[in-house]
Amino acid sequence: MKPEKELKWLSKLYSSKSCSYPLKLKLNPIALCKKDFERIVDSSENNADFSIWFNKLIELDVFIYSNKVKKGFIKETDGYIVNGSNLIKYVKSNKLYNEFWKLFNFDRVI
């Protein structure tokens, strides 16, 4: 996957309602299913790159299993929250991070 695409996905993930980070004001992150994260990062449905990337982030503890979530009429599925601390560690490994670090600067006021 191109670093530009991944950085775009990571920035959208960081600003999602599911991201928990100690210094952010979000106290109770919302557990979302894989399909919800697919929508957050604007990935096409059943994208192979997204599935590989999603599983990689589960292994790196960026996505943490939270509980079962129910979506509409679909049966319950696994819900995940984003560990903001591990996300930032992972983002710093992206070679474009130095140019776009302000996207992940959680102290700034917009």
C-alpha atoms as a PDB file:
ATOM      1  CA  MET A   1       0.000   0.000   0.000  1.00  0.00           C
ATOM      2  CA  LYS A   2       1.218   3.502  -0.778  1.00  0.00           C
ATOM      3  CA  PRO A   3       2.316   5.549   2.263  1.00  0.00           C
ATOM      4  CA  GLU A   4       0.064   8.428   1.153  1.00  0.00           C
ATOM      5  CA  LYS A   5      -3.025   6.240   1.184  1.00  0.00           C
ATOM      6  CA  GLU A   6      -2.135   4.734   4.534  1.00  0.00           C
ATOM      7  CA  LEU A   7      -1.485   8.146   6.103  1.00  0.00           C
ATOM      8  CA  LYS A   8      -4.877   9.340   4.849  1.00  0.00           C
ATOM      9  CA  TRP A   9      -6.557   6.304   6.399  1.00  0.00           C
ATOM     10  CA  LEU A  10      -4.654   6.761   9.658  1.00  0.00           C
ATOM     11  CA  SER A  11      -5.619  10.426   9.971  1.00  0.00           C
ATOM     12  CA  LYS A  12      -9.303   9.590   9.427  1.00  0.00           C
ATOM     13  CA  LEU A  13      -9.023   6.776  11.935  1.00  0.00           C
ATOM     14  CA  TYR A  14      -7.422   9.083  14.497  1.00  0.00           C
ATOM     15  CA  SER A  15     -10.272  11.578  14.239  1.00  0.00           C
ATOM     16  CA  SER A  16     -12.987   8.920  14.483  1.00  0.00           C
ATOM     17  CA  LYS A  17     -15.392   8.563  17.403  1.00  0.00           C
ATOM     18  CA  SER A  18     -13.837   5.200  18.170  1.00  0.00           C
ATOM     19  CA  CYS A  19     -10.345   6.497  18.938  1.00  0.00           C
ATOM     20  CA  SER A  20      -9.379   6.567  22.601  1.00  0.00           C
ATOM     21  CA  TYR A  21      -6.415   8.630  23.651  1.00  0.00           C
ATOM     22  CA  PRO A  22      -5.714   9.825  27.193  1.00  0.00           C
ATOM     23  CA  LEU A  23      -5.207  13.468  26.246  1.00  0.00           C
ATOM     24  CA  LYS A  24      -8.205  13.708  23.925  1.00  0.00           C
ATOM     25  CA  LEU A  25     -11.540  14.809  25.303  1.00  0.00           C
ATOM     26  CA  LYS A  26     -13.255  11.595  24.221  1.00  0.00           C
ATOM     27  CA  LEU A  27     -13.713   9.645  27.414  1.00  0.00           C
ATOM     28  CA  ASN A  28     -15.844   6.767  26.170  1.00  0.00           C
ATOM     29  CA  PRO A  29     -14.830   5.550  22.721  1.00  0.00           C
ATOM     30  CA  ILE A  30     -17.515   3.798  20.728  1.00  0.00           C
ATOM     31  CA  ALA A  31     -16.908   0.227  19.574  1.00  0.00           C
ATOM     32  CA  LEU A  32     -17.318  -0.154  15.824  1.00  0.00           C
ATOM     33  CA  CYS A  33     -17.240  -3.138  13.493  1.00  0.00           C
ATOM     34  CA  LYS A  34     -14.862  -3.657  10.572  1.00  0.00           C
ATOM     35  CA  LYS A  35     -17.433  -2.344   8.061  1.00  0.00           C
ATOM     36  CA  ASP A  36     -17.745   0.894  10.054  1.00  0.00           C
ATOM     37  CA  PHE A  37     -13.983   1.410   9.920  1.00  0.00           C
ATOM     38  CA  GLU A  38     -14.102   0.716   6.186  1.00  0.00           C
ATOM     39  CA  ARG A  39     -16.565   3.593   5.849  1.00  0.00           C
ATOM     40  CA  ILE A  40     -14.538   5.897   8.108  1.00  0.00           C
ATOM     41  CA  VAL A  41     -11.425   5.626   5.960  1.00  0.00           C
ATOM     42  CA  ASP A  42     -13.455   5.823   2.706  1.00  0.00           C
ATOM     43  CA  SER A  43     -12.324   2.422   1.521  1.00  0.00           C
ATOM     44  CA  SER A  44     -14.308   0.599  -1.105  1.00  0.00           C
ATOM     45  CA  GLU A  45     -16.371  -2.312   0.140  1.00  0.00           C
ATOM     46  CA  ASN A  46     -14.450  -5.587   0.589  1.00  0.00           C
ATOM     47  CA  ASN A  47     -11.153  -3.938  -0.377  1.00  0.00           C
ATOM     48  CA  ALA A  48      -8.309  -6.477  -0.062  1.00  0.00           C
ATOM     49  CA  ASP A  49      -5.788  -3.770   0.949  1.00  0.00           C
ATOM     50  CA  PHE A  50      -8.070  -2.636   3.729  1.00  0.00           C
ATOM     51  CA  SER A  51      -8.535  -6.179   5.056  1.00  0.00           C
ATOM     52  CA  ILE A  52      -4.781  -6.795   5.151  1.00  0.00           C
ATOM     53  CA  TRP A  53      -4.189  -3.417   6.795  1.00  0.00           C
ATOM     54  CA  PHE A  54      -6.990  -3.933   9.324  1.00  0.00           C
ATOM     55  CA  ASN A  55      -5.636  -7.354  10.368  1.00  0.00           C
ATOM     56  CA  LYS A  56      -2.126  -5.913  10.630  1.00  0.00           C
ATOM     57  CA  LEU A  57      -3.362  -3.203  13.002  1.00  0.00           C
ATOM     58  CA  ILE A  58      -5.172  -5.802  15.111  1.00  0.00           C
ATOM     59  CA  GLU A  59      -1.873  -7.677  15.504  1.00  0.00           C
ATOM     60  CA  LEU A  60      -0.136  -4.421  16.511  1.00  0.00           C
ATOM     61  CA  ASP A  61      -2.833  -3.689  19.130  1.00  0.00           C
ATOM     62  CA  VAL A  62      -3.989  -0.541  17.379  1.00  0.00           C
ATOM     63  CA  PHE A  63      -7.448  -2.075  17.109  1.00  0.00           C
ATOM     64  CA  ILE A  64      -8.501  -3.593  20.401  1.00  0.00           C
ATOM     65  CA  TYR A  65     -11.433  -5.959  20.678  1.00  0.00           C
ATOM     66  CA  SER A  66     -14.087  -4.288  22.786  1.00  0.00           C
ATOM     67  CA  ASN A  67     -17.293  -6.297  22.628  1.00  0.00           C
ATOM     68  CA  LYS A  68     -19.950  -7.595  20.280  1.00  0.00           C
ATOM     69  CA  VAL A  69     -21.865  -4.853  18.486  1.00  0.00           C
ATOM     70  CA  LYS A  70     -25.206  -5.144  16.732  1.00  0.00           C
ATOM     71  CA  LYS A  71     -25.693  -3.288  13.495  1.00  0.00           C
ATOM     72  CA  GLY A  72     -29.246  -3.012  12.213  1.00  0.00           C
ATOM     73  CA  PHE A  73     -30.771  -6.360  11.356  1.00  0.00           C
ATOM     74  CA  ILE A  74     -27.381  -8.017  11.023  1.00  0.00           C
ATOM     75  CA  LYS A  75     -26.419 -10.374  13.805  1.00  0.00           C
ATOM     76  CA  GLU A  76     -23.810  -9.305  16.304  1.00  0.00           C
ATOM     77  CA  THR A  77     -20.257  -8.872  15.097  1.00  0.00           C
ATOM     78  CA  ASP A  78     -16.920  -8.086  16.715  1.00  0.00           C
ATOM     79  CA  GLY A  79     -16.517  -4.484  17.829  1.00  0.00           C
ATOM     80  CA  TYR A  80     -13.191  -2.694  18.109  1.00  0.00           C
ATOM     81  CA  ILE A  81     -11.915   0.559  19.523  1.00  0.00           C
ATOM     82  CA  VAL A  82      -8.747   2.320  18.430  1.00  0.00           C
ATOM     83  CA  ASN A  83      -5.906   2.558  20.927  1.00  0.00           C
ATOM     84  CA  GLY A  84      -4.687   6.098  20.238  1.00  0.00           C
ATOM     85  CA  SER A  85      -1.305   5.580  21.902  1.00  0.00           C
ATOM     86  CA  ASN A  86      -0.482   2.580  19.720  1.00  0.00           C
ATOM     87  CA  LEU A  87      -1.905   4.356  16.685  1.00  0.00           C
ATOM     88  CA  ILE A  88       0.504   7.273  17.151  1.00  0.00           C
ATOM     89  CA  LYS A  89       3.429   4.855  17.533  1.00  0.00           C
ATOM     90  CA  TYR A  90       2.409   3.159  14.308  1.00  0.00           C
ATOM     91  CA  VAL A  91       1.861   6.454  12.467  1.00  0.00           C
ATOM     92  CA  LYS A  92       5.391   7.563  13.290  1.00  0.00           C
ATOM     93  CA  SER A  93       6.691   4.593  11.299  1.00  0.00           C
ATOM     94  CA  ASN A  94       5.105   6.020   8.122  1.00  0.00           C
ATOM     95  CA  LYS A  95       7.789   7.751   6.058  1.00  0.00           C
ATOM     96  CA  LEU A  96       5.507  10.749   5.412  1.00  0.00           C
ATOM     97  CA  TYR A  97       4.825  11.392   9.093  1.00  0.00           C
ATOM     98  CA  ASN A  98       7.441  14.160   9.415  1.00  0.00           C
ATOM     99  CA  GLU A  99       5.685  16.186   6.727  1.00  0.00           C
ATOM    100  CA  PHE A 100       2.165  15.718   8.100  1.00  0.00           C
ATOM    101  CA  TRP A 101       2.617  15.422  11.862  1.00  0.00           C
ATOM    102  CA  LYS A 102       0.168  18.281  12.446  1.00  0.00           C
ATOM    103  CA  LEU A 103      -2.700  15.972  11.482  1.00  0.00           C
ATOM    104  CA  PHE A 104      -1.953  14.017  14.633  1.00  0.00           C
ATOM    105  CA  ASN A 105      -1.174  16.931  16.950  1.00  0.00           C
ATOM    106  CA  PHE A 106      -4.000  16.479  19.441  1.00  0.00           C
ATOM    107  CA  ASP A 107      -3.152  19.613  21.476  1.00  0.00           C
ATOM    108  CA  ARG A 108      -3.870  22.140  18.770  1.00  0.00           C
ATOM    109  CA  VAL A 109      -7.158  23.981  18.516  1.00  0.00           C
ATOM    110  CA  ILE A 110      -8.684  24.358  15.068  1.00  0.00           C
END
